[in-house]
Amino acid sequence: MKKNKSSLELPIDSNSKNYTFFQNVWDVVRQIPEGRVTSYGAIASYLGAKSSSRMVGWAMHGSFIITPPVPAQRVVNRNGMLTGKVHFATPTLMEELLHKEGIRVEKGKIVDFEKVFWDPAIELG
């Protein structure tokens, strides 16, 4: 099923107390440099919510309709797996976007994950 912006809705109400958390996630993701990736857990930890990796995932799920754009392809699981690829318009789009940034992916996992990993706690202090 191809998703388009008109059929997508945020997975959270903008009046929810967690909406600010979603906005903070999107702000962090916008700062990930091209050619680098981070994990759901690293973002959660940076935001002071170490056990909220799944909430980061929900925020990423809703990021496709946010302006300014959020480079959701740069967020993967702690092992470098493209677990969020199912939320992209096509099953291969996440990998294609990463490839355009110079990131190699094999069998759904980032090659040399440790070398391209961007830790917001280090990079953003």
PDB file of N, CA and C in Angstrom:
ATOM      1  N   MET A   1       0.833  -1.172   0.000  1.00  0.00           N
ATOM      2  CA  MET A   1       0.000   0.000   0.000  1.00  0.00           C
ATOM      3  C   MET A   1       0.881   1.239   0.000  1.00  0.00           C
ATOM      4  N   LYS A   2       0.730   2.055  -1.009  1.00  0.00           N
ATOM      5  CA  LYS A   2       1.506   3.281  -1.093  1.00  0.00           C
ATOM      6  C   LYS A   2       0.838   4.363  -0.263  1.00  0.00           C
ATOM      7  N   LYS A   3       1.632   5.022   0.538  1.00  0.00           N
ATOM      8  CA  LYS A   3       1.115   6.077   1.389  1.00  0.00           C
ATOM      9  C   LYS A   3       1.393   7.417   0.740  1.00  0.00           C
ATOM     10  N   ASN A   4       0.456   8.326   0.875  1.00  0.00           N
ATOM     11  CA  ASN A   4       0.705   9.669   0.399  1.00  0.00           C
ATOM     12  C   ASN A   4       0.342  10.644   1.506  1.00  0.00           C
ATOM     13  N   LYS A   5       0.817  11.860   1.370  1.00  0.00           N
ATOM     14  CA  LYS A   5       0.657  12.819   2.452  1.00  0.00           C
ATOM     15  C   LYS A   5      -0.805  13.068   2.789  1.00  0.00           C
ATOM     16  N   SER A   6      -1.706  13.009   1.800  1.00  0.00           N
ATOM     17  CA  SER A   6      -3.097  13.291   2.092  1.00  0.00           C
ATOM     18  C   SER A   6      -3.749  12.187   2.911  1.00  0.00           C
ATOM     19  N   SER A   7      -3.219  10.960   2.886  1.00  0.00           N
ATOM     20  CA  SER A   7      -3.826   9.868   3.635  1.00  0.00           C
ATOM     21  C   SER A   7      -3.146   9.634   4.981  1.00  0.00           C
ATOM     22  N   LEU A   8      -2.087  10.359   5.282  1.00  0.00           N
ATOM     23  CA  LEU A   8      -1.368  10.164   6.535  1.00  0.00           C
ATOM     24  C   LEU A   8      -1.861  11.120   7.602  1.00  0.00           C
ATOM     25  N   GLU A   9      -1.868  10.624   8.808  1.00  0.00           N
ATOM     26  CA  GLU A   9      -2.178  11.461   9.954  1.00  0.00           C
ATOM     27  C   GLU A   9      -1.115  11.221  11.014  1.00  0.00           C
ATOM     28  N   LEU A  10      -0.895  12.212  11.839  1.00  0.00           N
ATOM     29  CA  LEU A  10       0.047  12.027  12.926  1.00  0.00           C
ATOM     30  C   LEU A  10      -0.472  10.939  13.858  1.00  0.00           C
ATOM     31  N   PRO A  11       0.436  10.111  14.400  1.00  0.00           N
ATOM     32  CA  PRO A  11       0.006   9.066  15.318  1.00  0.00           C
ATOM     33  C   PRO A  11      -0.248   9.602  16.726  1.00  0.00           C
ATOM     34  N   ILE A  12      -0.384  10.918  16.845  1.00  0.00           N
ATOM     35  CA  ILE A  12      -0.606  11.543  18.144  1.00  0.00           C
ATOM     36  C   ILE A  12      -1.376  12.835  17.927  1.00  0.00           C
ATOM     37  N   ASP A  13      -2.242  13.153  18.841  1.00  0.00           N
ATOM     38  CA  ASP A  13      -3.001  14.394  18.772  1.00  0.00           C
ATOM     39  C   ASP A  13      -2.102  15.559  19.163  1.00  0.00           C
ATOM     40  N   SER A  14      -2.210  16.656  18.452  1.00  0.00           N
ATOM     41  CA  SER A  14      -1.336  17.805  18.742  1.00  0.00           C
ATOM     42  C   SER A  14      -1.603  18.415  20.117  1.00  0.00           C
ATOM     43  N   ASN A  15      -2.702  18.043  20.758  1.00  0.00           N
ATOM     44  CA  ASN A  15      -2.991  18.520  22.116  1.00  0.00           C
ATOM     45  C   ASN A  15      -2.449  17.583  23.191  1.00  0.00           C
ATOM     46  N   SER A  16      -1.878  16.467  22.780  1.00  0.00           N
ATOM     47  CA  SER A  16      -1.356  15.488  23.734  1.00  0.00           C
ATOM     48  C   SER A  16      -0.130  16.037  24.459  1.00  0.00           C
ATOM     49  N   LYS A  17       0.040  15.609  25.708  1.00  0.00           N
ATOM     50  CA  LYS A  17       1.216  16.034  26.463  1.00  0.00           C
ATOM     51  C   LYS A  17       2.506  15.499  25.838  1.00  0.00           C
ATOM     52  N   ASN A  18       2.415  14.422  25.049  1.00  0.00           N
ATOM     53  CA  ASN A  18       3.602  13.847  24.408  1.00  0.00           C
ATOM     54  C   ASN A  18       3.937  14.492  23.067  1.00  0.00           C
ATOM     55  N   TYR A  19       3.091  15.382  22.585  1.00  0.00           N
ATOM     56  CA  TYR A  19       3.350  16.006  21.288  1.00  0.00           C
ATOM     57  C   TYR A  19       4.677  16.764  21.292  1.00  0.00           C
ATOM     58  N   THR A  20       5.008  17.417  22.384  1.00  0.00           N
ATOM     59  CA  THR A  20       6.281  18.127  22.479  1.00  0.00           C
ATOM     60  C   THR A  20       7.444  17.155  22.342  1.00  0.00           C
ATOM     61  N   PHE A  21       7.311  15.958  22.907  1.00  0.00           N
ATOM     62  CA  PHE A  21       8.347  14.937  22.758  1.00  0.00           C
ATOM     63  C   PHE A  21       8.536  14.615  21.279  1.00  0.00           C
ATOM     64  N   PHE A  22       7.447  14.447  20.548  1.00  0.00           N
ATOM     65  CA  PHE A  22       7.528  14.171  19.115  1.00  0.00           C
ATOM     66  C   PHE A  22       8.265  15.295  18.402  1.00  0.00           C
ATOM     67  N   GLN A  23       7.916  16.530  18.719  1.00  0.00           N
ATOM     68  CA  GLN A  23       8.584  17.677  18.099  1.00  0.00           C
ATOM     69  C   GLN A  23      10.081  17.662  18.407  1.00  0.00           C
ATOM     70  N   ASN A  24      10.442  17.323  19.635  1.00  0.00           N
ATOM     71  CA  ASN A  24      11.859  17.252  20.009  1.00  0.00           C
ATOM     72  C   ASN A  24      12.574  16.161  19.225  1.00  0.00           C
ATOM     73  N   VAL A  25      11.923  15.029  19.031  1.00  0.00           N
ATOM     74  CA  VAL A  25      12.502  13.946  18.221  1.00  0.00           C
ATOM     75  C   VAL A  25      12.765  14.457  16.816  1.00  0.00           C
ATOM     76  N   TRP A  26      11.772  15.078  16.204  1.00  0.00           N
ATOM     77  CA  TRP A  26      11.930  15.579  14.831  1.00  0.00           C
ATOM     78  C   TRP A  26      13.053  16.603  14.744  1.00  0.00           C
ATOM     79  N   ASP A  27      13.179  17.454  15.761  1.00  0.00           N
ATOM     80  CA  ASP A  27      14.263  18.453  15.767  1.00  0.00           C
ATOM     81  C   ASP A  27      15.636  17.781  15.812  1.00  0.00           C
ATOM     82  N   VAL A  28      15.776  16.729  16.602  1.00  0.00           N
ATOM     83  CA  VAL A  28      17.048  15.999  16.672  1.00  0.00           C
ATOM     84  C   VAL A  28      17.343  15.348  15.324  1.00  0.00           C
ATOM     85  N   VAL A  29      16.357  14.695  14.740  1.00  0.00           N
ATOM     86  CA  VAL A  29      16.566  13.985  13.470  1.00  0.00           C
ATOM     87  C   VAL A  29      16.959  14.955  12.364  1.00  0.00           C
ATOM     88  N   ARG A  30      16.402  16.134  12.369  1.00  0.00           N
ATOM     89  CA  ARG A  30      16.768  17.136  11.348  1.00  0.00           C
ATOM     90  C   ARG A  30      18.240  17.534  11.437  1.00  0.00           C
ATOM     91  N   GLN A  31      18.861  17.291  12.571  1.00  0.00           N
ATOM     92  CA  GLN A  31      20.266  17.662  12.751  1.00  0.00           C
ATOM     93  C   GLN A  31      21.254  16.557  12.389  1.00  0.00           C
ATOM     94  N   ILE A  32      20.756  15.372  12.082  1.00  0.00           N
ATOM     95  CA  ILE A  32      21.647  14.279  11.684  1.00  0.00           C
ATOM     96  C   ILE A  32      22.233  14.629  10.317  1.00  0.00           C
ATOM     97  N   PRO A  33      23.533  14.681  10.193  1.00  0.00           N
ATOM     98  CA  PRO A  33      24.136  15.036   8.906  1.00  0.00           C
ATOM     99  C   PRO A  33      23.890  13.970   7.836  1.00  0.00           C
ATOM    100  N   GLU A  34      23.851  14.406   6.612  1.00  0.00           N
ATOM    101  CA  GLU A  34      23.742  13.476   5.482  1.00  0.00           C
ATOM    102  C   GLU A  34      24.897  12.489   5.557  1.00  0.00           C
ATOM    103  N   GLY A  35      24.606  11.224   5.297  1.00  0.00           N
ATOM    104  CA  GLY A  35      25.637  10.195   5.338  1.00  0.00           C
ATOM    105  C   GLY A  35      25.871   9.609   6.716  1.00  0.00           C
ATOM    106  N   ARG A  36      25.059  10.001   7.682  1.00  0.00           N
ATOM    107  CA  ARG A  36      25.166   9.487   9.052  1.00  0.00           C
ATOM    108  C   ARG A  36      23.796   8.970   9.490  1.00  0.00           C
ATOM    109  N   VAL A  37      23.778   8.111  10.493  1.00  0.00           N
ATOM    110  CA  VAL A  37      22.531   7.569  11.041  1.00  0.00           C
ATOM    111  C   VAL A  37      22.613   7.519  12.559  1.00  0.00           C
ATOM    112  N   THR A  38      21.465   7.424  13.181  1.00  0.00           N
ATOM    113  CA  THR A  38      21.401   7.228  14.621  1.00  0.00           C
ATOM    114  C   THR A  38      20.322   6.202  14.915  1.00  0.00           C
ATOM    115  N   SER A  39      20.136   5.913  16.191  1.00  0.00           N
ATOM    116  CA  SER A  39      19.146   4.907  16.574  1.00  0.00           C
ATOM    117  C   SER A  39      18.012   5.548  17.371  1.00  0.00           C
ATOM    118  N   TYR A  40      16.906   4.812  17.424  1.00  0.00           N
ATOM    119  CA  TYR A  40      15.764   5.258  18.225  1.00  0.00           C
ATOM    120  C   TYR A  40      16.201   5.458  19.681  1.00  0.00           C
ATOM    121  N   GLY A  41      16.965   4.511  20.187  1.00  0.00           N
ATOM    122  CA  GLY A  41      17.417   4.567  21.576  1.00  0.00           C
ATOM    123  C   GLY A  41      18.338   5.731  21.858  1.00  0.00           C
ATOM    124  N   ALA A  42      19.226   6.044  20.919  1.00  0.00           N
ATOM    125  CA  ALA A  42      20.142   7.168  21.114  1.00  0.00           C
ATOM    126  C   ALA A  42      19.374   8.479  21.196  1.00  0.00           C
ATOM    127  N   ILE A  43      18.341   8.609  20.383  1.00  0.00           N
ATOM    128  CA  ILE A  43      17.510   9.821  20.434  1.00  0.00           C
ATOM    129  C   ILE A  43      16.761   9.883  21.762  1.00  0.00           C
ATOM    130  N   ALA A  44      16.155   8.768  22.155  1.00  0.00           N
ATOM    131  CA  ALA A  44      15.412   8.728  23.414  1.00  0.00           C
ATOM    132  C   ALA A  44      16.322   9.082  24.591  1.00  0.00           C
ATOM    133  N   SER A  45      17.498   8.497  24.608  1.00  0.00           N
ATOM    134  CA  SER A  45      18.447   8.768  25.689  1.00  0.00           C
ATOM    135  C   SER A  45      18.843  10.237  25.709  1.00  0.00           C
ATOM    136  N   TYR A  46      19.134  10.803  24.550  1.00  0.00           N
ATOM    137  CA  TYR A  46      19.508  12.212  24.457  1.00  0.00           C
ATOM    138  C   TYR A  46      18.407  13.116  25.003  1.00  0.00           C
ATOM    139  N   LEU A  47      17.157  12.728  24.755  1.00  0.00           N
ATOM    140  CA  LEU A  47      16.027  13.541  25.198  1.00  0.00           C
ATOM    141  C   LEU A  47      15.645  13.275  26.656  1.00  0.00           C
ATOM    142  N   GLY A  48      16.447  12.448  27.345  1.00  0.00           N
ATOM    143  CA  GLY A  48      16.201  12.192  28.757  1.00  0.00           C
ATOM    144  C   GLY A  48      15.105  11.180  29.016  1.00  0.00           C
ATOM    145  N   ALA A  49      14.804  10.377  28.009  1.00  0.00           N
ATOM    146  CA  ALA A  49      13.741   9.382  28.133  1.00  0.00           C
ATOM    147  C   ALA A  49      14.262   8.043  27.629  1.00  0.00           C
ATOM    148  N   LYS A  50      15.290   7.546  28.275  1.00  0.00           N
ATOM    149  CA  LYS A  50      16.033   6.372  27.815  1.00  0.00           C
ATOM    150  C   LYS A  50      15.149   5.174  27.466  1.00  0.00           C
ATOM    151  N   SER A  51      14.067   4.986  28.165  1.00  0.00           N
ATOM    152  CA  SER A  51      13.201   3.826  27.906  1.00  0.00           C
ATOM    153  C   SER A  51      12.100   4.118  26.891  1.00  0.00           C
ATOM    154  N   SER A  52      12.231   5.190  26.141  1.00  0.00           N
ATOM    155  CA  SER A  52      11.178   5.598  25.207  1.00  0.00           C
ATOM    156  C   SER A  52      11.532   5.405  23.736  1.00  0.00           C
ATOM    157  N   SER A  53      12.322   4.386  23.437  1.00  0.00           N
ATOM    158  CA  SER A  53      12.686   4.127  22.037  1.00  0.00           C
ATOM    159  C   SER A  53      11.460   3.932  21.162  1.00  0.00           C
ATOM    160  N   ARG A  54      10.463   3.243  21.678  1.00  0.00           N
ATOM    161  CA  ARG A  54       9.243   3.006  20.891  1.00  0.00           C
ATOM    162  C   ARG A  54       8.497   4.301  20.603  1.00  0.00           C
ATOM    163  N   MET A  55       8.520   5.227  21.553  1.00  0.00           N
ATOM    164  CA  MET A  55       7.887   6.531  21.309  1.00  0.00           C
ATOM    165  C   MET A  55       8.629   7.279  20.211  1.00  0.00           C
ATOM    166  N   VAL A  56       9.949   7.139  20.173  1.00  0.00           N
ATOM    167  CA  VAL A  56      10.723   7.737  19.081  1.00  0.00           C
ATOM    168  C   VAL A  56      10.271   7.111  17.765  1.00  0.00           C
ATOM    169  N   GLY A  57      10.060   5.808  17.770  1.00  0.00           N
ATOM    170  CA  GLY A  57       9.552   5.134  16.578  1.00  0.00           C
ATOM    171  C   GLY A  57       8.212   5.676  16.132  1.00  0.00           C
ATOM    172  N   TRP A  58       7.321   5.913  17.083  1.00  0.00           N
ATOM    173  CA  TRP A  58       6.012   6.483  16.728  1.00  0.00           C
ATOM    174  C   TRP A  58       6.178   7.888  16.158  1.00  0.00           C
ATOM    175  N   ALA A  59       7.091   8.651  16.727  1.00  0.00           N
ATOM    176  CA  ALA A  59       7.352   9.990  16.200  1.00  0.00           C
ATOM    177  C   ALA A  59       7.853   9.907  14.762  1.00  0.00           C
ATOM    178  N   MET A  60       8.736   8.929  14.491  1.00  0.00           N
ATOM    179  CA  MET A  60       9.253   8.774  13.141  1.00  0.00           C
ATOM    180  C   MET A  60       8.137   8.345  12.186  1.00  0.00           C
ATOM    181  N   HIS A  61       7.235   7.514  12.662  1.00  0.00           N
ATOM    182  CA  HIS A  61       6.091   7.075  11.851  1.00  0.00           C
ATOM    183  C   HIS A  61       5.275   8.280  11.378  1.00  0.00           C
ATOM    184  N   GLY A  62       5.167   9.293  12.218  1.00  0.00           N
ATOM    185  CA  GLY A  62       4.406  10.481  11.858  1.00  0.00           C
ATOM    186  C   GLY A  62       5.205  11.563  11.178  1.00  0.00           C
ATOM    187  N   SER A  63       6.478  11.330  10.954  1.00  0.00           N
ATOM    188  CA  SER A  63       7.353  12.389  10.435  1.00  0.00           C
ATOM    189  C   SER A  63       7.183  12.671   8.950  1.00  0.00           C
ATOM    190  N   PHE A  64       6.476  11.833   8.236  1.00  0.00           N
ATOM    191  CA  PHE A  64       6.385  11.990   6.781  1.00  0.00           C
ATOM    192  C   PHE A  64       5.516  13.157   6.354  1.00  0.00           C
ATOM    193  N   ILE A  65       4.730  13.693   7.275  1.00  0.00           N
ATOM    194  CA  ILE A  65       3.845  14.803   6.914  1.00  0.00           C
ATOM    195  C   ILE A  65       4.238  16.101   7.616  1.00  0.00           C
ATOM    196  N   ILE A  66       5.411  16.111   8.211  1.00  0.00           N
ATOM    197  CA  ILE A  66       5.862  17.263   8.982  1.00  0.00           C
ATOM    198  C   ILE A  66       6.664  18.218   8.095  1.00  0.00           C
ATOM    199  N   THR A  67       6.487  19.501   8.358  1.00  0.00           N
ATOM    200  CA  THR A  67       7.260  20.536   7.694  1.00  0.00           C
ATOM    201  C   THR A  67       7.966  21.341   8.766  1.00  0.00           C
ATOM    202  N   PRO A  68       9.261  21.631   8.602  1.00  0.00           N
ATOM    203  CA  PRO A  68      10.133  21.178   7.516  1.00  0.00           C
ATOM    204  C   PRO A  68      10.337  19.663   7.556  1.00  0.00           C
ATOM    205  N   PRO A  69      10.758  19.113   6.417  1.00  0.00           N
ATOM    206  CA  PRO A  69      10.915  17.656   6.309  1.00  0.00           C
ATOM    207  C   PRO A  69      11.860  17.068   7.358  1.00  0.00           C
ATOM    208  N   VAL A  70      11.606  15.818   7.689  1.00  0.00           N
ATOM    209  CA  VAL A  70      12.411  15.071   8.650  1.00  0.00           C
ATOM    210  C   VAL A  70      13.064  13.911   7.902  1.00  0.00           C
ATOM    211  N   PRO A  71      14.402  13.803   7.890  1.00  0.00           N
ATOM    212  CA  PRO A  71      15.064  12.712   7.172  1.00  0.00           C
ATOM    213  C   PRO A  71      14.961  11.385   7.942  1.00  0.00           C
ATOM    214  N   ALA A  72      13.773  10.811   7.926  1.00  0.00           N
ATOM    215  CA  ALA A  72      13.469   9.608   8.703  1.00  0.00           C
ATOM    216  C   ALA A  72      14.350   8.414   8.344  1.00  0.00           C
ATOM    217  N   GLN A  73      14.896   8.403   7.145  1.00  0.00           N
ATOM    218  CA  GLN A  73      15.746   7.288   6.727  1.00  0.00           C
ATOM    219  C   GLN A  73      17.005   7.179   7.580  1.00  0.00           C
ATOM    220  N   ARG A  74      17.341   8.233   8.293  1.00  0.00           N
ATOM    221  CA  ARG A  74      18.572   8.253   9.090  1.00  0.00           C
ATOM    222  C   ARG A  74      18.399   7.688  10.494  1.00  0.00           C
ATOM    223  N   VAL A  75      17.229   7.133  10.784  1.00  0.00           N
ATOM    224  CA  VAL A  75      16.984   6.557  12.112  1.00  0.00           C
ATOM    225  C   VAL A  75      16.720   5.061  11.956  1.00  0.00           C
ATOM    226  N   VAL A  76      17.539   4.271  12.624  1.00  0.00           N
ATOM    227  CA  VAL A  76      17.473   2.807  12.519  1.00  0.00           C
ATOM    228  C   VAL A  76      17.487   2.201  13.923  1.00  0.00           C
ATOM    229  N   ASN A  77      17.402   0.891  14.007  1.00  0.00           N
ATOM    230  CA  ASN A  77      17.437   0.291  15.342  1.00  0.00           C
ATOM    231  C   ASN A  77      18.873   0.204  15.855  1.00  0.00           C
ATOM    232  N   ARG A  78      19.036  -0.257  17.065  1.00  0.00           N
ATOM    233  CA  ARG A  78      20.354  -0.260  17.729  1.00  0.00           C
ATOM    234  C   ARG A  78      21.380  -1.148  17.065  1.00  0.00           C
ATOM    235  N   ASN A  79      20.927  -2.032  16.175  1.00  0.00           N
ATOM    236  CA  ASN A  79      21.835  -2.919  15.451  1.00  0.00           C
ATOM    237  C   ASN A  79      22.080  -2.465  14.016  1.00  0.00           C
ATOM    238  N   GLY A  80      21.509  -1.325  13.648  1.00  0.00           N
ATOM    239  CA  GLY A  80      21.669  -0.826  12.286  1.00  0.00           C
ATOM    240  C   GLY A  80      20.670  -1.387  11.298  1.00  0.00           C
ATOM    241  N   MET A  81      19.639  -2.057  11.795  1.00  0.00           N
ATOM    242  CA  MET A  81      18.612  -2.626  10.914  1.00  0.00           C
ATOM    243  C   MET A  81      17.607  -1.543  10.517  1.00  0.00           C
ATOM    244  N   LEU A  82      17.135  -1.629   9.271  1.00  0.00           N
ATOM    245  CA  LEU A  82      16.167  -0.659   8.761  1.00  0.00           C
ATOM    246  C   LEU A  82      14.754  -1.066   9.170  1.00  0.00           C
ATOM    247  N   THR A  83      14.494  -1.087  10.444  1.00  0.00           N
ATOM    248  CA  THR A  83      13.201  -1.553  10.944  1.00  0.00           C
ATOM    249  C   THR A  83      12.055  -0.612  10.587  1.00  0.00           C
ATOM    250  N   GLY A  84      12.335   0.634  10.286  1.00  0.00           N
ATOM    251  CA  GLY A  84      11.290   1.588   9.935  1.00  0.00           C
ATOM    252  C   GLY A  84      10.914   1.601   8.474  1.00  0.00           C
ATOM    253  N   LYS A  85      11.535   0.752   7.679  1.00  0.00           N
ATOM    254  CA  LYS A  85      11.314   0.792   6.227  1.00  0.00           C
ATOM    255  C   LYS A  85       9.858   0.530   5.832  1.00  0.00           C
ATOM    256  N   VAL A  86       9.122  -0.171   6.673  1.00  0.00           N
ATOM    257  CA  VAL A  86       7.727  -0.479   6.355  1.00  0.00           C
ATOM    258  C   VAL A  86       6.850   0.767   6.335  1.00  0.00           C
ATOM    259  N   HIS A  87       7.317   1.865   6.905  1.00  0.00           N
ATOM    260  CA  HIS A  87       6.530   3.088   6.950  1.00  0.00           C
ATOM    261  C   HIS A  87       6.816   4.026   5.776  1.00  0.00           C
ATOM    262  N   PHE A  88       7.750   3.658   4.933  1.00  0.00           N
ATOM    263  CA  PHE A  88       8.054   4.472   3.756  1.00  0.00           C
ATOM    264  C   PHE A  88       7.092   4.127   2.628  1.00  0.00           C
ATOM    265  N   ALA A  89       7.002   4.996   1.637  1.00  0.00           N
ATOM    266  CA  ALA A  89       6.045   4.830   0.542  1.00  0.00           C
ATOM    267  C   ALA A  89       6.229   3.518  -0.221  1.00  0.00           C
ATOM    268  N   THR A  90       7.470   3.043  -0.307  1.00  0.00           N
ATOM    269  CA  THR A  90       7.740   1.756  -0.946  1.00  0.00           C
ATOM    270  C   THR A  90       8.673   0.968  -0.029  1.00  0.00           C
ATOM    271  N   PRO A  91       8.704  -0.349  -0.163  1.00  0.00           N
ATOM    272  CA  PRO A  91       9.551  -1.164   0.707  1.00  0.00           C
ATOM    273  C   PRO A  91      11.050  -0.898   0.572  1.00  0.00           C
ATOM    274  N   THR A  92      11.461  -0.299  -0.530  1.00  0.00           N
ATOM    275  CA  THR A  92      12.893  -0.066  -0.759  1.00  0.00           C
ATOM    276  C   THR A  92      13.312   1.399  -0.617  1.00  0.00           C
ATOM    277  N   LEU A  93      12.359   2.289  -0.391  1.00  0.00           N
ATOM    278  CA  LEU A  93      12.674   3.722  -0.393  1.00  0.00           C
ATOM    279  C   LEU A  93      13.679   4.117   0.686  1.00  0.00           C
ATOM    280  N   MET A  94      13.552   3.589   1.884  1.00  0.00           N
ATOM    281  CA  MET A  94      14.489   3.946   2.956  1.00  0.00           C
ATOM    282  C   MET A  94      15.915   3.606   2.541  1.00  0.00           C
ATOM    283  N   GLU A  95      16.104   2.402   2.028  1.00  0.00           N
ATOM    284  CA  GLU A  95      17.433   1.979   1.587  1.00  0.00           C
ATOM    285  C   GLU A  95      17.928   2.832   0.427  1.00  0.00           C
ATOM    286  N   GLU A  96      17.051   3.171  -0.499  1.00  0.00           N
ATOM    287  CA  GLU A  96      17.442   4.001  -1.640  1.00  0.00           C
ATOM    288  C   GLU A  96      17.909   5.385  -1.176  1.00  0.00           C
ATOM    289  N   LEU A  97      17.195   5.971  -0.229  1.00  0.00           N
ATOM    290  CA  LEU A  97      17.580   7.289   0.290  1.00  0.00           C
ATOM    291  C   LEU A  97      18.929   7.229   0.995  1.00  0.00           C
ATOM    292  N   LEU A  98      19.149   6.182   1.771  1.00  0.00           N
ATOM    293  CA  LEU A  98      20.442   6.022   2.439  1.00  0.00           C
ATOM    294  C   LEU A  98      21.559   5.826   1.421  1.00  0.00           C
ATOM    295  N   HIS A  99      21.294   5.050   0.388  1.00  0.00           N
ATOM    296  CA  HIS A  99      22.291   4.812  -0.659  1.00  0.00           C
ATOM    297  C   HIS A  99      22.695   6.138  -1.321  1.00  0.00           C
ATOM    298  N   LYS A 100      21.722   7.014  -1.569  1.00  0.00           N
ATOM    299  CA  LYS A 100      22.016   8.325  -2.169  1.00  0.00           C
ATOM    300  C   LYS A 100      22.925   9.162  -1.277  1.00  0.00           C
ATOM    301  N   GLU A 101      22.900   8.876   0.020  1.00  0.00           N
ATOM    302  CA  GLU A 101      23.748   9.601   0.971  1.00  0.00           C
ATOM    303  C   GLU A 101      25.089   8.914   1.181  1.00  0.00           C
ATOM    304  N   GLY A 102      25.327   7.823   0.470  1.00  0.00           N
ATOM    305  CA  GLY A 102      26.602   7.126   0.570  1.00  0.00           C
ATOM    306  C   GLY A 102      26.651   6.046   1.630  1.00  0.00           C
ATOM    307  N   ILE A 103      25.501   5.680   2.170  1.00  0.00           N
ATOM    308  CA  ILE A 103      25.445   4.641   3.195  1.00  0.00           C
ATOM    309  C   ILE A 103      25.103   3.314   2.535  1.00  0.00           C
ATOM    310  N   ARG A 104      25.941   2.306   2.796  1.00  0.00           N
ATOM    311  CA  ARG A 104      25.716   0.974   2.233  1.00  0.00           C
ATOM    312  C   ARG A 104      24.818   0.157   3.141  1.00  0.00           C
ATOM    313  N   VAL A 105      23.885  -0.551   2.511  1.00  0.00           N
ATOM    314  CA  VAL A 105      22.962  -1.410   3.234  1.00  0.00           C
ATOM    315  C   VAL A 105      22.994  -2.777   2.578  1.00  0.00           C
ATOM    316  N   GLU A 106      23.116  -3.802   3.385  1.00  0.00           N
ATOM    317  CA  GLU A 106      23.068  -5.177   2.892  1.00  0.00           C
ATOM    318  C   GLU A 106      22.104  -5.964   3.755  1.00  0.00           C
ATOM    319  N   LYS A 107      21.166  -6.633   3.106  1.00  0.00           N
ATOM    320  CA  LYS A 107      20.175  -7.467   3.794  1.00  0.00           C
ATOM    321  C   LYS A 107      19.448  -6.700   4.891  1.00  0.00           C
ATOM    322  N   GLY A 108      19.095  -5.447   4.593  1.00  0.00           N
ATOM    323  CA  GLY A 108      18.331  -4.641   5.525  1.00  0.00           C
ATOM    324  C   GLY A 108      19.106  -4.085   6.704  1.00  0.00           C
ATOM    325  N   LYS A 109      20.440  -4.140   6.624  1.00  0.00           N
ATOM    326  CA  LYS A 109      21.273  -3.664   7.737  1.00  0.00           C
ATOM    327  C   LYS A 109      22.381  -2.757   7.198  1.00  0.00           C
ATOM    328  N   ILE A 110      22.684  -1.707   7.934  1.00  0.00           N
ATOM    329  CA  ILE A 110      23.727  -0.762   7.522  1.00  0.00           C
ATOM    330  C   ILE A 110      25.099  -1.402   7.678  1.00  0.00           C
ATOM    331  N   VAL A 111      25.884  -1.320   6.609  1.00  0.00           N
ATOM    332  CA  VAL A 111      27.263  -1.816   6.624  1.00  0.00           C
ATOM    333  C   VAL A 111      28.116  -0.779   7.351  1.00  0.00           C
ATOM    334  N   ASP A 112      29.022  -1.238   8.197  1.00  0.00           N
ATOM    335  CA  ASP A 112      29.887  -0.346   8.977  1.00  0.00           C
ATOM    336  C   ASP A 112      29.073   0.626   9.830  1.00  0.00           C
ATOM    337  N   PHE A 113      28.060   0.093  10.472  1.00  0.00           N
ATOM    338  CA  PHE A 113      27.154   0.891  11.291  1.00  0.00           C
ATOM    339  C   PHE A 113      27.900   1.769  12.299  1.00  0.00           C
ATOM    340  N   GLU A 114      28.906   1.205  12.936  1.00  0.00           N
ATOM    341  CA  GLU A 114      29.642   1.957  13.954  1.00  0.00           C
ATOM    342  C   GLU A 114      30.334   3.185  13.361  1.00  0.00           C
ATOM    343  N   LYS A 115      30.764   3.099  12.106  1.00  0.00           N
ATOM    344  CA  LYS A 115      31.475   4.210  11.459  1.00  0.00           C
ATOM    345  C   LYS A 115      30.549   5.357  11.068  1.00  0.00           C
ATOM    346  N   VAL A 116      29.292   5.049  10.742  1.00  0.00           N
ATOM    347  CA  VAL A 116      28.360   6.096  10.309  1.00  0.00           C
ATOM    348  C   VAL A 116      27.391   6.500  11.419  1.00  0.00           C
ATOM    349  N   PHE A 117      27.528   5.866  12.594  1.00  0.00           N
ATOM    350  CA  PHE A 117      26.634   6.171  13.703  1.00  0.00           C
ATOM    351  C   PHE A 117      26.885   7.581  14.222  1.00  0.00           C
ATOM    352  N   TRP A 118      25.810   8.312  14.409  1.00  0.00           N
ATOM    353  CA  TRP A 118      25.842   9.681  14.912  1.00  0.00           C
ATOM    354  C   TRP A 118      25.121   9.677  16.256  1.00  0.00           C
ATOM    355  N   ASP A 119      25.832   9.984  17.320  1.00  0.00           N
ATOM    356  CA  ASP A 119      25.263   9.979  18.643  1.00  0.00           C
ATOM    357  C   ASP A 119      24.897  11.403  19.055  1.00  0.00           C
ATOM    358  N   PRO A 120      23.616  11.701  19.184  1.00  0.00           N
ATOM    359  CA  PRO A 120      23.243  13.079  19.533  1.00  0.00           C
ATOM    360  C   PRO A 120      23.800  13.541  20.876  1.00  0.00           C
ATOM    361  N   ALA A 121      24.011  12.625  21.817  1.00  0.00           N
ATOM    362  CA  ALA A 121      24.562  13.005  23.119  1.00  0.00           C
ATOM    363  C   ALA A 121      25.983  13.544  22.977  1.00  0.00           C
ATOM    364  N   ILE A 122      26.716  13.050  22.013  1.00  0.00           N
ATOM    365  CA  ILE A 122      28.086  13.515  21.755  1.00  0.00           C
ATOM    366  C   ILE A 122      28.065  14.722  20.826  1.00  0.00           C
ATOM    367  N   GLU A 123      27.333  14.598  19.727  1.00  0.00           N
ATOM    368  CA  GLU A 123      27.349  15.620  18.687  1.00  0.00           C
ATOM    369  C   GLU A 123      26.623  16.904  19.083  1.00  0.00           C
ATOM    370  N   LEU A 124      25.574  16.768  19.883  1.00  0.00           N
ATOM    371  CA  LEU A 124      24.812  17.942  20.281  1.00  0.00           C
ATOM    372  C   LEU A 124      25.106  18.377  21.711  1.00  0.00           C
ATOM    373  N   GLY A 125      25.923  17.557  22.398  1.00  0.00           N
ATOM    374  CA  GLY A 125      26.354  17.899  23.749  1.00  0.00           C
ATOM    375  C   GLY A 125      25.199  17.866  24.701  1.00  0.00           C
TER     376      GLY A 125
END
